[in-house]
Protein backbone atom coordinates (compact mmCIF):
# COMPACT_ATOMS: atom_id res chain seq x y z
CA MET A 1 -15.30 -4.76 49.43
CA ASN A 2 -11.99 -3.77 49.78
CA ASP A 3 -9.00 -3.94 47.64
CA ARG A 4 -6.91 -5.41 50.64
CA GLN A 5 -9.25 -8.50 50.96
CA LEU A 6 -8.73 -9.93 47.27
CA THR A 7 -6.57 -12.63 46.60
CA VAL A 8 -4.16 -11.78 43.97
CA ARG A 9 -5.41 -14.45 42.23
CA THR A 10 -8.85 -12.85 42.12
CA LYS A 11 -7.32 -9.73 41.32
CA LEU A 12 -5.54 -11.14 38.05
CA THR A 13 -8.58 -13.22 36.78
CA LEU A 14 -10.92 -9.70 36.89
CA ALA A 15 -7.99 -7.92 35.53
CA PHE A 16 -8.01 -10.50 32.55
CA SER A 17 -11.32 -10.53 32.39
CA LEU A 18 -11.70 -6.96 31.96
CA LEU A 19 -8.92 -7.48 28.80
CA THR A 20 -10.93 -10.09 27.15
CA CYS A 21 -14.23 -8.02 27.35
CA MET A 22 -12.00 -4.70 26.18
CA VAL A 23 -10.79 -7.21 23.27
CA LEU A 24 -13.71 -8.69 22.29
CA LEU A 25 -16.02 -4.77 22.28
CA VAL A 26 -12.75 -3.46 20.08
CA SER A 27 -13.43 -6.73 17.89
CA ILE A 28 -16.71 -6.19 17.41
CA LEU A 29 -16.14 -2.41 16.58
CA GLY A 30 -13.94 -3.48 13.69
CA ILE A 31 -15.99 -5.86 12.69
CA VAL A 32 -19.17 -3.42 12.29
CA SER A 33 -17.33 -0.88 10.96
CA LEU A 34 -15.38 -3.27 8.06
CA GLY A 35 -19.39 -4.39 6.85
CA ASN A 36 -20.34 -0.85 6.88
CA ALA A 37 -17.16 0.05 4.78
CA ASN A 38 -17.72 -3.09 2.29
CA ALA A 39 -21.60 -2.27 2.04
CA ALA A 40 -20.17 1.46 1.03
CA PHE A 41 -17.96 0.32 -1.69
CA GLU A 42 -20.23 -2.25 -2.91
CA ASN A 43 -22.59 0.72 -3.31
CA TYR A 44 -20.13 2.58 -5.24
CA VAL A 45 -19.03 -0.15 -7.28
CA ASN A 46 -22.29 -1.29 -8.13
CA GLY A 47 -23.95 2.16 -7.74
CA ILE A 48 -22.38 5.79 -9.02
CA ASN A 49 -19.33 3.33 -10.48
CA ALA A 50 -21.35 1.33 -13.10
CA ARG A 51 -23.92 4.49 -13.94
CA ALA A 52 -20.34 6.66 -14.73
CA THR A 53 -19.06 3.40 -16.90
CA LEU A 54 -22.36 2.78 -18.53
CA ALA A 55 -22.25 7.02 -19.10
CA ASP A 56 -19.34 6.90 -20.88
CA LYS A 57 -19.50 3.81 -22.90
CA ILE A 58 -23.18 5.44 -24.15
CA LEU A 59 -20.55 8.69 -24.80
CA ALA A 60 -17.77 6.25 -26.30
CA ALA A 61 -20.82 4.72 -29.02
CA VAL A 62 -21.89 7.98 -30.09
CA ASP A 63 -18.66 8.92 -30.59
CA ARG A 64 -18.29 6.03 -32.66
CA ARG A 65 -21.53 6.44 -35.09
CA ALA A 66 -20.49 10.05 -35.74
CA ILE A 67 -17.20 8.79 -36.88
CA ALA A 68 -18.56 6.14 -38.52
CA ALA A 69 -21.06 8.11 -39.89
CA ARG A 70 -17.89 10.56 -41.39
CA ASN A 71 -16.15 8.05 -42.69
CA GLN A 72 -18.77 6.59 -44.49
CA VAL A 73 -19.18 10.22 -46.37
CA LEU A 74 -16.15 10.51 -47.35
CA ALA A 75 -15.10 7.19 -48.16
CA THR A 76 -13.61 6.85 -51.92
CA ALA A 77 -14.44 2.49 -52.46
CA PRO A 78 -17.77 1.21 -51.98
CA ARG A 79 -16.93 -1.74 -49.73
CA ASP A 80 -15.06 1.06 -47.63
CA ALA A 81 -18.73 2.60 -47.37
CA ASP A 82 -20.49 -0.30 -46.51
CA LEU A 83 -18.25 -1.12 -43.88
CA GLU A 84 -18.46 2.20 -42.15
CA LYS A 85 -22.64 2.12 -42.33
CA GLU A 86 -22.32 -1.17 -40.51
CA ALA A 87 -20.39 0.27 -37.97
CA ALA A 88 -22.68 3.30 -38.02
CA LEU A 89 -25.40 0.72 -37.55
CA ARG A 90 -23.70 -1.29 -34.79
CA ALA A 91 -22.89 1.71 -33.11
CA ASP A 92 -26.16 3.05 -33.37
CA ARG A 93 -27.79 0.03 -31.61
CA GLU A 94 -25.07 0.18 -28.96
CA VAL A 95 -26.16 3.20 -28.06
CA GLY A 96 -30.09 2.31 -28.01
CA ALA A 97 -28.62 -1.18 -25.49
CA LEU A 98 -26.77 1.47 -22.84
CA LEU A 99 -29.25 3.97 -22.31
CA GLY A 100 -31.55 1.41 -21.64
CA GLU A 101 -29.53 -0.29 -19.10
CA LEU A 102 -28.54 3.07 -17.74
CA THR A 103 -32.19 3.93 -17.71
CA ASN A 104 -32.66 0.91 -15.73
CA ALA A 105 -29.93 1.48 -13.40
CA VAL A 106 -31.26 4.90 -12.66
CA ARG A 107 -34.62 3.87 -11.83
CA GLU A 108 -33.95 0.68 -10.11
CA GLY A 109 -30.86 0.89 -8.44
CA SER A 110 -30.26 2.28 -4.93
CA GLY A 111 -28.24 5.35 -3.97
CA ALA A 112 -29.26 7.33 -7.66
CA THR A 113 -30.12 10.53 -7.13
CA ASP A 114 -33.36 12.74 -8.55
CA GLN A 115 -30.43 14.97 -10.23
CA ALA A 116 -28.52 11.68 -11.76
CA ARG A 117 -32.30 10.31 -12.96
CA GLU A 118 -33.37 13.73 -14.63
CA LEU A 119 -29.81 14.11 -16.31
CA VAL A 120 -30.05 10.23 -18.00
CA ARG A 121 -33.60 11.54 -18.63
CA GLN A 122 -32.23 14.82 -20.50
CA ILE A 123 -29.61 12.32 -22.16
CA GLY A 124 -32.50 10.09 -23.66
CA ALA A 125 -34.96 13.17 -24.72
CA VAL A 126 -31.46 14.11 -26.58
CA GLU A 127 -31.33 10.51 -28.12
CA ALA A 128 -34.62 10.19 -29.06
CA PRO A 129 -35.34 12.40 -31.93
CA TYR A 130 -31.54 12.31 -32.67
CA ARG A 131 -31.31 8.16 -33.64
CA PRO A 132 -33.91 8.22 -36.33
CA VAL A 133 -31.62 11.66 -37.92
CA ALA A 134 -28.24 9.65 -37.61
CA ARG A 135 -30.00 6.44 -39.05
CA GLY A 136 -31.66 8.11 -41.54
CA THR A 137 -28.21 10.25 -42.94
CA VAL A 138 -26.37 6.95 -42.72
CA GLU A 139 -29.35 5.09 -44.93
CA ALA A 140 -29.26 8.73 -47.28
CA ALA A 141 -25.50 8.59 -47.63
CA ALA A 142 -25.53 4.42 -48.59
CA THR A 143 -27.62 5.12 -52.03
CA THR A 144 -26.46 8.69 -52.52
CA ARG A 145 -22.62 8.79 -53.26
CA PRO A 146 -21.17 12.24 -53.74
CA ALA A 147 -19.12 13.52 -56.31
CA HIS A 148 -16.10 13.95 -54.60
CA ALA A 149 -16.05 10.84 -52.80
CA HIS A 150 -15.49 8.89 -55.84
CA PRO A 151 -11.91 8.40 -57.04
CA LYS A 152 -10.89 10.17 -60.64
């Protein structure tokens, strides 16, 4: 078919149809790309970032447990020592709960690497023998008051 045989109306209709198809194609491509970006962001928020946040909470709870145990030993008033003991035991329970959550997140979560699983396993391996020691230290500090902790 020759270009000269087409009417202006037919030429305009073909051009408009071609432009409409191009706009639809670009729109579909944009929607698919947006869906992929949303999925990647959701994986980050619910996967990597969630696990990193849990690891940070574990670190904070371990620090609170150690600080409370230290403060319990250094407390001069029995009431203060009891408050610190309770804080240490509460932080210890929190460490256990958070470590369980992190273990489940790595086991069940999508996108967890073998390295992440190994690191969580190592954290659990370090914490397992340390938790009884930490609780024992807190209990021993509650029953045995050092002489330097009593006011003179």
